[in-house]
Amino acid sequence: MKRKVSLFALCVTAALAAGCASYQPAPPAFHEALYQPYRLGAGDRVRVTVFEQDGLTNTYAVDQSGYIAFPLVGAVAARGLTVQQLEGAIAQQLRGGFIRNPDVSVEVDRYRPVFVMGEVGSAGQYAYVPGLTVQKAVAMAGGFTARANQRNVDITRSINGKVMTGRVVLSDPLLPGDTVYIRERLF
């Protein structure tokens, strides 16, 4: 009997140690990205206004290669740029023989979606809205399942072209394009 109990204790200890071995706290850059200006990426949709040029004012999608197809000038690189940088890039290209002094304004019309996976009612892709937290994303995905670890979650985020994964609490804010993974609890 004593041997069975110690064997059981050994198995439980090994399982807990294995669970802790996969733990990755969020790197510092992970949270620093929350306070940086928003950078455009594939899946975003921007509203470009060129004042006094109704034919150029429209909504444009950032394609998979990171460009928007803009009238007169063609493809304009948008991936990795802030909206202010994109305004400058469009204005500069329009000055190149199309409009003498263009006044361009860009705003994000729709952010790229977030993805919620794992132990939630309905895993999938959900629209990002400013102020979205992990807890709100889980609520959009139908809430936690009975087996979900509700203490913390893993988020995968692209920062400066590098994909990082970190474990965060439910109150942490999300960024467009984040992938949230809800793990299964051990007991």
C-alpha atoms as a PDB file:
ATOM      1  CA  MET A   1       0.000   0.000   0.000  1.00  0.00           C
ATOM      2  CA  LYS A   2       2.801   2.359   0.924  1.00  0.00           C
ATOM      3  CA  ARG A   3       4.510   1.656  -2.385  1.00  0.00           C
ATOM      4  CA  LYS A   4       1.303   2.434  -4.367  1.00  0.00           C
ATOM      5  CA  VAL A   5       0.892   5.756  -2.575  1.00  0.00           C
ATOM      6  CA  SER A   6       4.513   6.803  -3.209  1.00  0.00           C
ATOM      7  CA  LEU A   7       4.254   5.743  -6.860  1.00  0.00           C
ATOM      8  CA  PHE A   8       1.088   7.846  -7.185  1.00  0.00           C
ATOM      9  CA  ALA A   9       2.805  10.809  -5.499  1.00  0.00           C
ATOM     10  CA  LEU A  10       5.764  10.445  -7.852  1.00  0.00           C
ATOM     11  CA  CYS A  11       3.452  10.461 -10.913  1.00  0.00           C
ATOM     12  CA  VAL A  12       1.567  13.537  -9.689  1.00  0.00           C
ATOM     13  CA  THR A  13       4.837  15.368  -8.981  1.00  0.00           C
ATOM     14  CA  ALA A  14       6.149  14.505 -12.443  1.00  0.00           C
ATOM     15  CA  ALA A  15       2.939  15.736 -14.090  1.00  0.00           C
ATOM     16  CA  LEU A  16       3.057  19.022 -12.185  1.00  0.00           C
ATOM     17  CA  ALA A  17       6.739  19.504 -13.016  1.00  0.00           C
ATOM     18  CA  ALA A  18       6.015  18.870 -16.704  1.00  0.00           C
ATOM     19  CA  GLY A  19       3.247  21.468 -16.608  1.00  0.00           C
ATOM     20  CA  CYS A  20       5.576  24.021 -15.012  1.00  0.00           C
ATOM     21  CA  ALA A  21       8.346  23.260 -17.518  1.00  0.00           C
ATOM     22  CA  SER A  22       6.208  24.647 -20.354  1.00  0.00           C
ATOM     23  CA  TYR A  23       5.501  27.892 -18.490  1.00  0.00           C
ATOM     24  CA  GLN A  24       6.791  30.965 -20.311  1.00  0.00           C
ATOM     25  CA  PRO A  25       6.251  34.336 -18.681  1.00  0.00           C
ATOM     26  CA  ALA A  26       5.604  37.113 -21.151  1.00  0.00           C
ATOM     27  CA  PRO A  27       8.873  38.749 -22.279  1.00  0.00           C
ATOM     28  CA  PRO A  28       9.244  42.497 -21.551  1.00  0.00           C
ATOM     29  CA  ALA A  29       8.727  43.407 -25.233  1.00  0.00           C
ATOM     30  CA  PHE A  30       5.366  41.642 -25.043  1.00  0.00           C
ATOM     31  CA  HIS A  31       3.842  44.267 -22.754  1.00  0.00           C
ATOM     32  CA  GLU A  32       5.872  47.158 -24.178  1.00  0.00           C
ATOM     33  CA  ALA A  33       4.086  46.601 -27.516  1.00  0.00           C
ATOM     34  CA  LEU A  34       0.845  47.722 -25.843  1.00  0.00           C
ATOM     35  CA  TYR A  35       2.205  51.259 -25.492  1.00  0.00           C
ATOM     36  CA  GLN A  36       3.670  51.638 -28.971  1.00  0.00           C
ATOM     37  CA  PRO A  37       1.832  53.291 -31.884  1.00  0.00           C
ATOM     38  CA  TYR A  38      -0.318  50.812 -33.775  1.00  0.00           C
ATOM     39  CA  ARG A  39       1.387  49.267 -36.819  1.00  0.00           C
ATOM     40  CA  LEU A  40      -0.697  48.196 -39.794  1.00  0.00           C
ATOM     41  CA  GLY A  41      -0.693  44.628 -41.040  1.00  0.00           C
ATOM     42  CA  ALA A  42      -2.439  42.229 -43.419  1.00  0.00           C
ATOM     43  CA  GLY A  43      -6.143  42.079 -42.651  1.00  0.00           C
ATOM     44  CA  ASP A  44      -6.472  45.706 -41.545  1.00  0.00           C
ATOM     45  CA  ARG A  45      -8.754  48.035 -43.466  1.00  0.00           C
ATOM     46  CA  VAL A  46      -7.970  51.758 -43.598  1.00  0.00           C
ATOM     47  CA  ARG A  47     -10.069  54.766 -44.541  1.00  0.00           C
ATOM     48  CA  VAL A  48      -8.004  57.141 -46.690  1.00  0.00           C
ATOM     49  CA  THR A  49      -9.300  60.669 -47.207  1.00  0.00           C
ATOM     50  CA  VAL A  50      -7.657  62.921 -49.795  1.00  0.00           C
ATOM     51  CA  PHE A  51      -9.286  66.295 -49.263  1.00  0.00           C
ATOM     52  CA  GLU A  52     -10.962  67.800 -52.348  1.00  0.00           C
ATOM     53  CA  GLN A  53     -10.359  64.519 -54.250  1.00  0.00           C
ATOM     54  CA  ASP A  54     -13.564  62.501 -53.858  1.00  0.00           C
ATOM     55  CA  GLY A  55     -12.401  59.892 -56.381  1.00  0.00           C
ATOM     56  CA  LEU A  56      -9.437  58.952 -54.167  1.00  0.00           C
ATOM     57  CA  THR A  57     -11.250  58.959 -50.831  1.00  0.00           C
ATOM     58  CA  ASN A  58     -12.214  55.376 -50.001  1.00  0.00           C
ATOM     59  CA  THR A  59     -11.654  52.366 -47.757  1.00  0.00           C
ATOM     60  CA  TYR A  60      -8.683  50.160 -48.664  1.00  0.00           C
ATOM     61  CA  ALA A  61      -7.675  46.724 -47.370  1.00  0.00           C
ATOM     62  CA  VAL A  62      -4.089  45.828 -46.504  1.00  0.00           C
ATOM     63  CA  ASP A  63      -3.455  42.665 -48.527  1.00  0.00           C
ATOM     64  CA  GLN A  64      -1.411  39.585 -47.580  1.00  0.00           C
ATOM     65  CA  SER A  65       1.765  41.125 -48.951  1.00  0.00           C
ATOM     66  CA  GLY A  66       1.257  44.273 -46.856  1.00  0.00           C
ATOM     67  CA  TYR A  67       0.170  46.719 -49.569  1.00  0.00           C
ATOM     68  CA  ILE A  68      -2.918  48.748 -50.367  1.00  0.00           C
ATOM     69  CA  ALA A  69      -3.956  49.258 -53.980  1.00  0.00           C
ATOM     70  CA  PHE A  70      -4.340  53.029 -54.304  1.00  0.00           C
ATOM     71  CA  PRO A  71      -5.683  54.780 -57.428  1.00  0.00           C
ATOM     72  CA  LEU A  72      -3.208  56.699 -59.608  1.00  0.00           C
ATOM     73  CA  VAL A  73      -0.091  55.504 -57.760  1.00  0.00           C
ATOM     74  CA  GLY A  74      -0.691  51.729 -57.540  1.00  0.00           C
ATOM     75  CA  ALA A  75       0.562  49.594 -54.652  1.00  0.00           C
ATOM     76  CA  VAL A  76       1.568  51.477 -51.499  1.00  0.00           C
ATOM     77  CA  ALA A  77       3.437  49.627 -48.736  1.00  0.00           C
ATOM     78  CA  ALA A  78       1.442  49.685 -45.491  1.00  0.00           C
ATOM     79  CA  ARG A  79       2.684  46.742 -43.383  1.00  0.00           C
ATOM     80  CA  GLY A  80       4.612  47.894 -40.337  1.00  0.00           C
ATOM     81  CA  LEU A  81       3.676  51.551 -40.800  1.00  0.00           C
ATOM     82  CA  THR A  82       1.669  53.728 -38.428  1.00  0.00           C
ATOM     83  CA  VAL A  83      -1.310  55.574 -39.905  1.00  0.00           C
ATOM     84  CA  GLN A  84       0.737  58.804 -39.853  1.00  0.00           C
ATOM     85  CA  GLN A  85       3.550  57.144 -41.803  1.00  0.00           C
ATOM     86  CA  LEU A  86       1.052  55.791 -44.345  1.00  0.00           C
ATOM     87  CA  GLU A  87      -0.413  59.296 -44.736  1.00  0.00           C
ATOM     88  CA  GLY A  88       3.053  60.590 -45.581  1.00  0.00           C
ATOM     89  CA  ALA A  89       3.788  57.733 -48.009  1.00  0.00           C
ATOM     90  CA  ILE A  90       0.539  58.280 -49.931  1.00  0.00           C
ATOM     91  CA  ALA A  91       1.000  62.063 -50.010  1.00  0.00           C
ATOM     92  CA  GLN A  92       4.577  61.690 -51.268  1.00  0.00           C
ATOM     93  CA  GLN A  93       3.512  59.383 -54.101  1.00  0.00           C
ATOM     94  CA  LEU A  94       0.607  61.659 -55.069  1.00  0.00           C
ATOM     95  CA  ARG A  95       3.034  64.624 -55.230  1.00  0.00           C
ATOM     96  CA  GLY A  96       5.030  62.723 -57.842  1.00  0.00           C
ATOM     97  CA  GLY A  97       3.078  64.202 -60.748  1.00  0.00           C
ATOM     98  CA  PHE A  98      -0.557  63.687 -59.742  1.00  0.00           C
ATOM     99  CA  ILE A  99      -1.577  66.291 -57.141  1.00  0.00           C
ATOM    100  CA  ARG A 100       0.416  69.417 -56.332  1.00  0.00           C
ATOM    101  CA  ASN A 101      -0.143  69.601 -52.567  1.00  0.00           C
ATOM    102  CA  PRO A 102      -2.233  66.629 -51.383  1.00  0.00           C
ATOM    103  CA  ASP A 103      -3.820  66.707 -47.925  1.00  0.00           C
ATOM    104  CA  VAL A 104      -4.116  63.051 -46.869  1.00  0.00           C
ATOM    105  CA  SER A 105      -5.710  61.589 -43.767  1.00  0.00           C
ATOM    106  CA  VAL A 106      -5.676  57.886 -42.811  1.00  0.00           C
ATOM    107  CA  GLU A 107      -7.569  56.130 -40.035  1.00  0.00           C
ATOM    108  CA  VAL A 108      -8.092  52.470 -39.205  1.00  0.00           C
ATOM    109  CA  ASP A 109     -11.567  51.441 -40.331  1.00  0.00           C
ATOM    110  CA  ARG A 110     -11.341  47.809 -39.184  1.00  0.00           C
ATOM    111  CA  TYR A 111      -8.540  46.085 -37.310  1.00  0.00           C
ATOM    112  CA  ARG A 112      -7.339  42.578 -38.140  1.00  0.00           C
ATOM    113  CA  PRO A 113      -9.128  39.931 -36.078  1.00  0.00           C
ATOM    114  CA  VAL A 114      -8.039  38.115 -32.925  1.00  0.00           C
ATOM    115  CA  PHE A 115      -8.191  34.343 -32.652  1.00  0.00           C
ATOM    116  CA  VAL A 116      -9.388  32.433 -29.589  1.00  0.00           C
ATOM    117  CA  MET A 117      -8.518  28.741 -29.321  1.00  0.00           C
ATOM    118  CA  GLY A 118      -8.580  25.965 -26.763  1.00  0.00           C
ATOM    119  CA  GLU A 119     -11.032  25.463 -23.933  1.00  0.00           C
ATOM    120  CA  VAL A 120     -13.755  27.929 -24.951  1.00  0.00           C
ATOM    121  CA  GLY A 121     -17.330  27.426 -26.080  1.00  0.00           C
ATOM    122  CA  SER A 122     -16.747  28.436 -29.690  1.00  0.00           C
ATOM    123  CA  ALA A 123     -13.131  28.782 -30.802  1.00  0.00           C
ATOM    124  CA  GLY A 124     -12.551  30.955 -33.853  1.00  0.00           C
ATOM    125  CA  GLN A 125     -11.809  34.368 -35.312  1.00  0.00           C
ATOM    126  CA  TYR A 126     -13.356  37.456 -33.706  1.00  0.00           C
ATOM    127  CA  ALA A 127     -13.399  41.154 -34.590  1.00  0.00           C
ATOM    128  CA  TYR A 128     -10.945  43.289 -32.640  1.00  0.00           C
ATOM    129  CA  VAL A 129     -12.234  46.437 -30.975  1.00  0.00           C
ATOM    130  CA  PRO A 130     -10.039  48.900 -29.050  1.00  0.00           C
ATOM    131  CA  GLY A 131     -10.002  48.050 -25.346  1.00  0.00           C
ATOM    132  CA  LEU A 132     -10.417  44.305 -25.911  1.00  0.00           C
ATOM    133  CA  THR A 133      -9.041  42.215 -23.031  1.00  0.00           C
ATOM    134  CA  VAL A 134      -8.458  38.472 -22.765  1.00  0.00           C
ATOM    135  CA  GLN A 135     -11.575  38.121 -20.604  1.00  0.00           C
ATOM    136  CA  LYS A 136     -13.753  39.947 -23.151  1.00  0.00           C
ATOM    137  CA  ALA A 137     -12.362  37.822 -25.996  1.00  0.00           C
ATOM    138  CA  VAL A 138     -13.175  34.652 -24.048  1.00  0.00           C
ATOM    139  CA  ALA A 139     -16.703  35.969 -23.500  1.00  0.00           C
ATOM    140  CA  MET A 140     -17.088  36.578 -27.261  1.00  0.00           C
ATOM    141  CA  ALA A 141     -15.942  32.986 -27.827  1.00  0.00           C
ATOM    142  CA  GLY A 142     -18.725  31.554 -25.664  1.00  0.00           C
ATOM    143  CA  GLY A 143     -16.925  31.563 -22.311  1.00  0.00           C
ATOM    144  CA  PHE A 144     -14.756  28.923 -20.688  1.00  0.00           C
ATOM    145  CA  THR A 145     -15.495  25.210 -20.915  1.00  0.00           C
ATOM    146  CA  ALA A 146     -15.722  23.175 -17.706  1.00  0.00           C
ATOM    147  CA  ARG A 147     -12.128  21.989 -18.204  1.00  0.00           C
ATOM    148  CA  ALA A 148     -10.571  25.411 -18.853  1.00  0.00           C
ATOM    149  CA  ASN A 149      -7.695  26.843 -16.841  1.00  0.00           C
ATOM    150  CA  GLN A 150      -9.210  30.183 -15.862  1.00  0.00           C
ATOM    151  CA  ARG A 151      -6.196  31.593 -14.025  1.00  0.00           C
ATOM    152  CA  ASN A 152      -4.012  32.616 -16.983  1.00  0.00           C
ATOM    153  CA  VAL A 153      -3.758  32.126 -20.748  1.00  0.00           C
ATOM    154  CA  ASP A 154      -1.151  32.008 -23.486  1.00  0.00           C
ATOM    155  CA  ILE A 155      -1.074  34.771 -26.094  1.00  0.00           C
ATOM    156  CA  THR A 156       0.900  34.625 -29.326  1.00  0.00           C
ATOM    157  CA  ARG A 157       1.753  38.054 -30.714  1.00  0.00           C
ATOM    158  CA  SER A 158       3.910  39.346 -33.560  1.00  0.00           C
ATOM    159  CA  ILE A 159       6.276  42.085 -32.364  1.00  0.00           C
ATOM    160  CA  ASN A 160       8.677  43.755 -34.795  1.00  0.00           C
ATOM    161  CA  GLY A 161       8.416  40.783 -37.136  1.00  0.00           C
ATOM    162  CA  LYS A 162       9.109  38.226 -34.393  1.00  0.00           C
ATOM    163  CA  VAL A 163       6.401  35.877 -33.114  1.00  0.00           C
ATOM    164  CA  MET A 164       6.371  35.652 -29.310  1.00  0.00           C
ATOM    165  CA  THR A 165       4.239  33.670 -26.886  1.00  0.00           C
ATOM    166  CA  GLY A 166       3.720  34.626 -23.263  1.00  0.00           C
ATOM    167  CA  ARG A 167       1.462  33.707 -20.389  1.00  0.00           C
ATOM    168  CA  VAL A 168      -0.742  36.534 -19.095  1.00  0.00           C
ATOM    169  CA  VAL A 169      -3.688  37.090 -16.764  1.00  0.00           C
ATOM    170  CA  LEU A 170      -7.280  37.532 -17.950  1.00  0.00           C
ATOM    171  CA  SER A 171      -7.274  41.306 -17.497  1.00  0.00           C
ATOM    172  CA  ASP A 172      -4.415  41.831 -19.977  1.00  0.00           C
ATOM    173  CA  PRO A 173      -5.270  43.856 -23.094  1.00  0.00           C
ATOM    174  CA  LEU A 174      -5.071  42.307 -26.550  1.00  0.00           C
ATOM    175  CA  LEU A 175      -3.709  43.699 -29.787  1.00  0.00           C
ATOM    176  CA  PRO A 176      -5.088  43.110 -33.287  1.00  0.00           C
ATOM    177  CA  GLY A 177      -3.852  39.819 -34.710  1.00  0.00           C
ATOM    178  CA  ASP A 178      -3.249  38.198 -31.293  1.00  0.00           C
ATOM    179  CA  THR A 179      -3.968  34.495 -30.821  1.00  0.00           C
ATOM    180  CA  VAL A 180      -5.352  33.543 -27.403  1.00  0.00           C
ATOM    181  CA  TYR A 181      -4.986  29.936 -26.261  1.00  0.00           C
ATOM    182  CA  ILE A 182      -6.962  28.697 -23.256  1.00  0.00           C
ATOM    183  CA  ARG A 183      -5.248  25.665 -21.738  1.00  0.00           C
ATOM    184  CA  GLU A 184      -6.957  22.703 -20.092  1.00  0.00           C
ATOM    185  CA  ARG A 185      -6.533  22.538 -16.311  1.00  0.00           C
ATOM    186  CA  LEU A 186      -4.902  19.489 -14.777  1.00  0.00           C
ATOM    187  CA  PHE A 187      -7.490  18.868 -12.046  1.00  0.00           C
END
